[in-house]
Protein backbone atom coordinates (compact mmCIF):
# COMPACT_ATOMS: atom_id res chain seq x y z
CA MET A 1 213.88 121.86 109.22
CA GLY A 2 213.17 118.74 107.10
CA GLY A 3 211.43 115.93 108.89
CA ALA A 4 207.87 115.02 107.87
CA VAL A 5 205.92 117.62 105.91
CA ILE A 6 202.14 117.10 105.71
CA VAL A 7 200.38 119.06 102.98
CA GLY A 8 196.79 119.31 104.10
CA ALA A 9 195.54 120.41 107.53
CA GLY A 10 192.30 118.46 107.49
CA LEU A 11 191.35 115.25 109.24
CA GLY A 12 193.61 113.11 107.06
CA GLY A 13 196.66 115.22 107.81
CA LEU A 14 195.86 115.25 111.53
CA ARG A 15 195.36 111.49 111.73
CA THR A 16 198.57 110.85 109.81
CA ALA A 17 200.53 113.08 112.18
CA GLU A 18 199.07 111.21 115.15
CA SER A 19 199.93 107.88 113.57
CA LEU A 20 203.49 109.02 112.87
CA ARG A 21 203.99 109.82 116.54
CA GLY A 22 202.20 106.66 117.64
CA SER A 23 204.49 104.61 115.37
CA GLY A 24 207.63 105.93 117.03
CA TYR A 25 208.59 108.84 114.77
CA ASP A 26 209.96 111.63 116.97
CA GLY A 27 211.32 114.01 114.35
CA PRO A 28 209.92 117.36 113.20
CA ILE A 29 206.38 117.50 111.80
CA THR A 30 205.18 120.47 109.75
CA ILE A 31 201.54 120.67 108.70
CA VAL A 32 200.54 122.98 105.85
CA GLY A 33 196.93 124.09 105.31
CA ASP A 34 195.38 126.38 102.71
CA GLU A 35 192.65 127.37 105.17
CA ARG A 36 193.37 129.55 108.18
CA HIS A 37 191.71 127.06 110.53
CA LEU A 38 193.06 124.12 112.49
CA PRO A 39 191.55 120.73 111.50
CA TYR A 40 187.77 120.71 111.91
CA SER A 41 184.80 118.50 111.07
CA ARG A 42 183.28 119.16 107.64
CA PRO A 43 180.05 117.06 107.62
CA PRO A 44 178.17 119.54 109.86
CA LEU A 45 178.75 122.32 107.31
CA SER A 46 175.72 121.23 105.30
CA LYS A 47 173.68 120.28 108.36
CA GLU A 48 173.66 121.50 111.96
CA ALA A 49 176.46 124.08 111.60
CA LEU A 50 174.73 125.58 108.59
CA ALA A 51 171.43 125.69 110.44
CA GLY A 52 172.70 127.18 113.68
CA GLY A 53 175.62 129.28 112.48
CA VAL A 54 179.21 128.29 111.83
CA ASP A 55 181.45 128.23 114.90
CA VAL A 56 184.74 126.80 113.66
CA ALA A 57 186.25 126.47 117.13
CA ALA A 58 183.34 124.22 118.15
CA LEU A 59 184.02 122.03 115.09
CA GLU A 60 187.76 121.59 115.70
CA PHE A 61 189.05 118.09 116.30
CA ARG A 62 190.81 117.41 119.55
CA ARG A 63 194.57 117.43 119.04
CA ARG A 64 196.63 114.98 121.05
CA PRO A 65 199.47 116.25 123.26
CA ALA A 66 201.94 114.27 121.13
CA LEU A 67 201.46 116.95 118.44
CA ASP A 68 202.14 119.92 120.72
CA ASP A 69 205.54 120.34 119.06
CA ALA A 70 204.17 120.22 115.50
CA THR A 71 204.53 123.34 113.34
CA TRP A 72 201.30 124.56 111.74
CA LEU A 73 201.59 126.73 108.60
CA LEU A 74 198.00 127.79 107.97
CA GLY A 75 196.42 130.07 105.40
CA ARG A 76 198.87 129.07 102.68
CA ALA A 77 198.73 126.38 100.03
CA ALA A 78 201.32 124.16 98.40
CA VAL A 79 201.80 125.34 94.82
CA SER A 80 204.59 123.05 93.60
CA SER A 81 206.91 120.27 94.66
CA ASP A 82 210.26 118.80 93.66
CA LEU A 83 210.51 115.27 94.95
CA ALA A 84 214.08 114.85 93.72
CA ALA A 85 215.15 117.91 95.73
CA ARG A 86 212.69 116.97 98.50
CA THR A 87 211.08 120.39 98.70
CA VAL A 88 207.56 121.84 98.65
CA THR A 89 206.93 125.45 97.67
CA LEU A 90 204.04 127.34 99.27
CA SER A 91 201.87 130.18 98.02
CA ASP A 92 203.88 132.71 100.05
CA ALA A 93 207.10 131.51 98.33
CA THR A 94 208.27 129.56 101.39
CA VAL A 95 210.30 126.52 100.35
CA LEU A 96 209.98 123.63 102.80
CA PRO A 97 212.58 120.84 102.78
CA PHE A 98 211.35 117.41 103.83
CA ASP A 99 212.63 113.94 104.58
CA GLY A 100 209.19 112.41 104.11
CA LEU A 101 206.06 113.86 102.49
CA VAL A 102 202.37 113.28 103.26
CA VAL A 103 199.91 114.24 100.53
CA ALA A 104 196.69 115.14 102.34
CA SER A 105 195.60 117.98 100.07
CA GLY A 106 192.10 116.60 99.60
CA ILE A 107 189.54 117.72 97.05
CA ARG A 108 187.69 120.85 96.01
CA PRO A 109 184.20 121.24 94.53
CA ARG A 110 183.97 121.17 90.76
CA ARG A 111 182.89 124.42 89.07
CA LEU A 112 181.20 124.30 85.69
CA PRO A 113 181.87 127.00 83.06
CA ILE A 114 178.33 128.39 82.94
CA PRO A 115 177.88 131.94 81.61
CA GLY A 116 176.45 134.75 83.69
CA PRO A 117 177.22 136.69 86.87
CA THR A 118 179.27 134.98 89.56
CA VAL A 119 178.04 136.95 92.58
CA GLY A 120 175.52 134.78 94.38
CA ARG A 121 177.15 131.50 93.31
CA HIS A 122 178.57 129.51 96.21
CA LEU A 123 180.44 126.34 96.98
CA LEU A 124 180.06 124.40 100.22
CA ARG A 125 183.36 122.82 101.18
CA THR A 126 184.91 125.01 103.87
CA ALA A 127 183.75 126.74 107.04
CA ASP A 128 184.12 130.09 105.27
CA ASP A 129 181.91 128.81 102.43
CA ALA A 130 179.27 127.74 104.94
CA ALA A 131 179.33 131.11 106.70
CA GLN A 132 178.69 132.90 103.38
CA VAL A 133 175.85 130.56 102.46
CA ARG A 134 174.29 130.85 105.92
CA ALA A 135 174.11 134.61 105.58
CA GLY A 136 171.83 134.23 102.55
CA LEU A 137 169.62 131.44 103.87
CA VAL A 138 166.79 133.55 105.20
CA ALA A 139 163.07 132.83 105.11
CA GLY A 140 161.76 133.42 101.60
CA ALA A 141 165.15 133.19 99.88
CA HIS A 142 165.17 131.27 96.60
CA LEU A 143 167.97 128.69 96.72
CA ILE A 144 168.98 126.82 93.59
CA ILE A 145 171.15 123.75 94.21
CA MET A 146 173.13 122.34 91.30
CA GLY A 147 173.55 118.64 91.91
CA ALA A 148 171.49 116.04 93.74
CA GLY A 149 174.21 114.26 95.71
CA PHE A 150 174.53 114.13 99.46
CA ILE A 151 175.84 117.70 99.86
CA GLY A 152 173.03 119.07 97.73
CA CYS A 153 170.31 117.07 99.47
CA GLU A 154 171.59 117.76 102.99
CA THR A 155 171.78 121.46 102.20
CA ALA A 156 168.27 121.37 100.74
CA ALA A 157 166.91 119.88 103.96
CA THR A 158 168.70 122.48 106.10
CA ALA A 159 167.55 125.35 103.90
CA ARG A 160 163.92 124.23 104.05
CA MET A 161 164.13 124.10 107.84
CA LEU A 162 165.31 127.73 107.71
CA GLY A 163 162.35 128.75 105.53
CA ALA A 164 164.08 129.10 102.15
CA GLU A 165 162.45 128.03 98.91
CA VAL A 166 164.60 125.25 97.45
CA THR A 167 164.94 123.87 93.93
CA ILE A 168 167.41 121.15 92.93
CA VAL A 169 168.59 120.95 89.30
CA ALA A 170 170.57 117.86 88.34
CA LEU A 171 171.35 115.66 85.36
CA ASP A 172 170.66 112.52 87.39
CA ASP A 173 167.35 110.67 87.15
CA GLU A 174 167.02 110.56 90.96
CA PRO A 175 168.83 112.20 93.87
CA MET A 176 171.87 110.34 95.28
CA ILE A 177 171.39 107.72 92.58
CA ARG A 178 175.03 106.61 92.36
CA PRO A 179 175.39 105.37 95.93
CA LEU A 180 171.71 104.56 96.61
CA GLY A 181 170.31 103.32 93.31
CA ALA A 182 167.19 104.53 91.54
CA GLU A 183 164.57 102.99 93.85
CA LEU A 184 165.90 104.32 97.15
CA GLY A 185 166.88 107.57 95.45
CA ALA A 186 163.26 108.01 94.40
CA GLY A 187 162.13 107.32 97.96
CA MET A 188 164.43 110.05 99.22
CA ARG A 189 163.16 112.43 96.51
CA ARG A 190 159.62 111.91 97.71
CA ARG A 191 160.72 112.71 101.28
CA HIS A 192 162.20 115.99 100.06
CA GLU A 193 159.13 116.82 97.97
CA ALA A 194 156.97 116.28 101.04
CA HIS A 195 159.02 119.06 102.69
CA GLY A 196 158.53 121.39 99.73
CA VAL A 197 161.72 120.86 97.70
CA HIS A 198 161.26 121.12 93.93
CA PHE A 199 163.27 118.93 91.54
CA HIS A 200 164.24 119.47 87.90
CA LEU A 201 166.00 116.18 87.16
CA GLY A 202 167.60 115.23 83.87
CA ARG A 203 168.28 118.95 83.38
CA THR A 204 171.26 121.29 83.42
CA ILE A 205 171.65 125.00 84.07
CA ASP A 206 172.44 126.80 80.81
CA SER A 207 172.99 130.28 82.21
CA PHE A 208 172.88 132.48 85.27
CA ASN A 209 170.92 135.68 84.76
CA GLY A 210 171.03 139.01 86.54
CA ASP A 211 172.52 142.47 86.66
CA GLY A 212 175.78 142.06 88.57
CA ARG A 213 174.56 139.10 90.65
CA VAL A 214 172.46 136.00 90.07
CA GLU A 215 168.73 136.74 90.03
CA SER A 216 167.52 133.70 88.07
CA VAL A 217 168.77 130.63 86.22
CA SER A 218 167.80 129.27 82.82
CA ILE A 219 167.70 125.48 82.62
CA SER A 220 167.96 123.18 79.62
CA ASP A 221 164.21 122.68 79.12
CA GLY A 222 163.70 126.44 78.71
CA THR A 223 162.42 127.09 82.24
CA GLU A 224 163.64 130.17 84.09
CA LEU A 225 163.78 129.88 87.88
CA PRO A 226 164.19 132.73 90.39
CA ALA A 227 167.40 132.55 92.41
CA THR A 228 168.56 134.52 95.43
CA LEU A 229 171.62 132.29 95.77
CA VAL A 230 173.04 129.20 94.08
CA ILE A 231 175.04 126.34 95.57
CA GLU A 232 177.18 124.35 93.14
CA ALA A 233 177.49 120.73 94.29
CA VAL A 234 178.31 118.82 91.12
CA GLY A 235 181.24 116.68 92.14
CA SER A 236 184.84 117.18 93.14
CA VAL A 237 188.37 117.59 91.79
CA ALA A 238 191.44 116.18 93.54
CA ASN A 239 194.00 118.81 94.59
CA THR A 240 197.05 117.36 92.86
CA GLU A 241 198.27 120.19 90.62
CA TRP A 242 201.11 120.98 93.03
CA LEU A 243 202.51 117.48 92.46
CA GLU A 244 202.80 117.75 88.68
CA GLY A 245 206.20 117.26 87.08
CA ASN A 246 207.31 114.47 89.40
CA GLY A 247 206.32 111.50 87.24
CA LEU A 248 203.42 110.44 89.50
CA ASP A 249 200.12 108.82 88.50
CA LEU A 250 197.68 111.72 88.94
CA SER A 251 194.99 110.41 86.60
CA ASP A 252 192.38 110.40 89.39
CA GLY A 253 193.88 111.68 92.60
CA LEU A 254 197.22 110.13 93.55
CA LEU A 255 197.77 106.38 93.15
CA VAL A 256 199.09 104.56 96.23
CA ASP A 257 199.57 100.95 97.34
CA SER A 258 197.98 99.20 100.32
CA GLY A 259 200.39 100.99 102.66
CA MET A 260 199.33 104.39 101.19
CA ARG A 261 202.83 104.64 99.71
CA VAL A 262 203.30 106.50 96.43
CA SER A 263 205.31 104.65 93.80
CA THR A 264 208.42 106.80 93.39
CA ASP A 265 212.13 106.33 94.05
CA LEU A 266 212.66 110.06 94.55
CA ALA A 267 211.49 110.37 98.17
CA PRO A 268 209.37 108.69 100.84
CA VAL A 269 205.84 109.84 99.97
CA VAL A 270 202.43 108.69 101.22
CA ALA A 271 198.94 109.96 100.44
CA VAL A 272 195.74 109.91 102.51
CA GLY A 273 192.07 110.82 102.47
CA ASP A 274 190.01 111.92 99.48
CA VAL A 275 193.05 112.54 97.29
CA ALA A 276 194.45 108.99 97.62
CA ARG A 277 193.46 106.36 95.05
CA HIS A 278 194.01 103.20 97.04
CA PRO A 279 193.22 99.48 96.87
CA ASN A 280 190.86 97.82 99.32
CA ALA A 281 191.16 94.07 99.72
CA LEU A 282 187.59 93.80 101.04
CA PHE A 283 186.16 94.64 97.64
CA GLY A 284 188.92 93.98 95.11
CA GLY A 285 188.90 95.71 91.78
CA PRO A 286 191.07 98.67 90.82
CA PRO A 287 192.28 101.28 93.34
CA ARG A 288 189.63 103.92 94.01
CA ARG A 289 189.26 107.30 95.64
CA ILE A 290 186.63 107.01 98.37
CA GLU A 291 185.14 110.26 99.67
CA HIS A 292 183.60 108.85 102.85
CA TRP A 293 183.89 110.33 106.31
CA ASN A 294 186.07 107.56 107.74
CA THR A 295 188.55 107.41 104.86
CA PRO A 296 190.92 110.10 106.22
CA THR A 297 191.18 108.31 109.57
CA GLU A 298 191.71 104.83 108.14
CA THR A 299 194.19 105.86 105.44
CA GLY A 300 195.94 108.27 107.82
CA ARG A 301 196.52 105.52 110.36
CA ARG A 302 198.12 103.27 107.73
CA ALA A 303 200.09 106.07 106.06
CA GLY A 304 201.60 107.21 109.37
CA GLN A 305 202.79 103.68 110.06
CA THR A 306 204.27 103.40 106.58
CA LEU A 307 206.10 106.73 106.66
CA ALA A 308 207.43 106.15 110.18
CA ALA A 309 208.91 102.85 109.00
CA LEU A 310 210.45 104.41 105.90
CA LEU A 311 211.99 107.30 107.84
CA GLY A 312 213.31 104.80 110.38
CA GLY A 313 215.01 102.73 107.72
CA GLN A 314 212.59 99.84 108.06
CA ALA A 315 210.30 98.05 105.64
CA PRO A 316 206.64 99.06 106.01
CA THR A 317 203.92 96.47 106.45
CA ASP A 318 202.64 94.70 103.37
CA GLU A 319 199.34 93.70 104.98
CA PRO A 320 196.30 94.26 102.75
CA PHE A 321 194.26 97.40 103.42
CA THR A 322 190.79 96.31 104.56
CA ALA A 323 189.12 99.40 106.01
CA MET A 324 185.33 99.41 105.89
CA PRO A 325 183.97 102.37 103.89
CA SER A 326 181.15 104.05 105.80
CA PHE A 327 178.99 107.13 105.47
CA TRP A 328 175.95 108.68 107.06
CA SER A 329 173.61 111.49 106.11
CA ASP A 330 171.02 113.41 108.14
CA GLN A 331 168.16 114.86 106.09
CA TYR A 332 165.22 116.31 108.04
CA ASP A 333 164.55 113.75 110.78
CA HIS A 334 165.82 110.85 108.65
CA LYS A 335 169.19 109.21 109.15
CA LEU A 336 170.84 107.30 106.33
CA GLN A 337 173.80 105.08 107.16
CA SER A 338 175.86 102.83 104.92
CA PHE A 339 178.65 100.29 105.06
CA GLY A 340 180.64 98.94 102.16
CA MET A 341 180.60 99.98 98.51
CA PRO A 342 176.96 100.14 97.40
CA GLY A 343 177.99 101.98 94.24
CA ASN A 344 179.67 98.75 93.01
CA ALA A 345 176.40 96.81 92.97
CA SER A 346 174.84 95.15 89.95
CA ARG A 347 171.80 94.01 91.93
CA ILE A 348 169.88 95.93 94.61
CA VAL A 349 167.38 94.35 97.01
CA VAL A 350 165.10 96.07 99.53
CA SER A 351 165.42 93.52 102.33
CA HIS A 352 163.45 95.22 105.14
CA GLY A 353 160.65 97.77 104.97
CA ASP A 354 160.05 99.87 101.88
CA VAL A 355 161.88 102.84 100.40
CA ASP A 356 159.22 105.33 101.51
CA GLY A 357 159.69 104.41 105.17
CA PRO A 358 162.31 102.88 107.45
CA CYS A 359 164.19 100.34 105.35
CA VAL A 360 167.35 98.33 104.77
CA VAL A 361 168.64 98.00 101.21
CA GLU A 362 171.25 95.41 100.20
CA TYR A 363 173.73 95.90 97.35
CA HIS A 364 175.22 92.85 95.60
CA ASP A 365 177.59 92.04 92.78
CA ASP A 366 178.85 88.69 91.48
CA SER A 367 181.01 88.29 94.60
CA GLY A 368 178.08 88.69 97.00
CA LEU A 369 177.09 91.49 99.34
CA VAL A 370 179.15 94.63 98.68
CA GLY A 371 177.15 97.26 100.55
CA VAL A 372 174.14 98.09 102.67
CA VAL A 373 172.16 101.27 103.31
CA GLY A 374 169.68 101.79 106.09
CA VAL A 375 167.16 104.60 106.42
CA ASP A 376 166.09 105.06 110.04
CA ARG A 377 167.24 101.48 110.71
CA THR A 378 170.80 101.98 112.00
CA PRO A 379 170.80 99.12 114.58
CA ASP A 380 169.76 96.66 111.87
CA LEU A 381 172.97 97.28 109.92
CA VAL A 382 175.27 95.62 112.47
CA PRO A 383 174.92 92.07 111.05
CA TYR A 384 175.54 93.36 107.54
CA ARG A 385 178.74 95.10 108.63
CA LYS A 386 179.99 91.78 110.03
CA VAL A 387 179.24 90.02 106.74
CA LEU A 388 181.08 92.72 104.79
CA LEU A 389 184.11 92.56 107.10
CA ALA A 390 184.23 88.79 106.58
CA ARG A 391 185.05 89.46 102.93
CA GLY A 392 188.57 90.24 104.15
CA SER A 393 189.07 86.96 106.02
CA ASP A 394 191.21 85.54 103.22
CA SER A 395 192.91 88.81 102.26
CA GLY A 396 195.95 88.19 104.41
């Protein structure tokens, strides 16, 4: 069939397909997904979908009529690729030829090699993961969460609302410390503690204990904690193994330029979403992978334009990429929202309120404001977003 092959049936793959069509590409589009589901929203998996039960159909993104002729190959993963031959091989041994390739294979949760039984240990990345976790989140269950990032903290809040006992074990000094900083992270910890969450910070899990399934965990200070189920939320790994052997830079995801184009003379290739390590002219510095909710849409829009141009024999745009990173998080009745790159900051200022209540926190480096986070102050972030967008005024 050839045409455009998109490896990854998540939001990034969907938005790239839409952008291809919107940019004038009218050839075949084949979308490959390792899950059996059509593209759906992942953020609710640790929040409202986990609380109320996982209905994948209700989470599906609307698909535009322009993609009615796309071919969906679901429930199978890409296992290898040959860019010189312009083929991708799938887990069922199907070999797909392509004229242009979109790498939208995303990330997967990191698993640590900790001894002990594996039954009762869960990840929380897919709808199927969430359904398994939901089945064990009953009143009185003892949930151990490895990791104090957003997934871990959102899941902790949901589990407490369902009546589970929750303990978070993490190496970090405070929850969500990398994006929020220590002061706001401590404020969020106190919110969780007020809802009954227990923290063992600066600790690791040494072993899982139990006869056939996890019944307790032993942590690095010698404490043993009861565990009905465990959620591992200790970071992510980019799904790039299927691209090995093609001479690409896979040192942290897949390196691309401002057009999301992969540097190779073998074939037209673009990458999008969490797997793409891309530059952003708003903030400078080296290319980065950004695992924020709007990244698949922004990178997909640009990648579709680039690939459509390449397949049409035209030069893609060389305009700088200036998408605004953004994330939000709902924990209990608190809403966190952020713009920019707060993790780049060397100086953090609480500009409105205090970290134990509604507040706005500014994040600065030597170039000025690089990020902002608001807790229960969403309307107050609008002026900050404008200031951050103005960083790109000279990028063209």
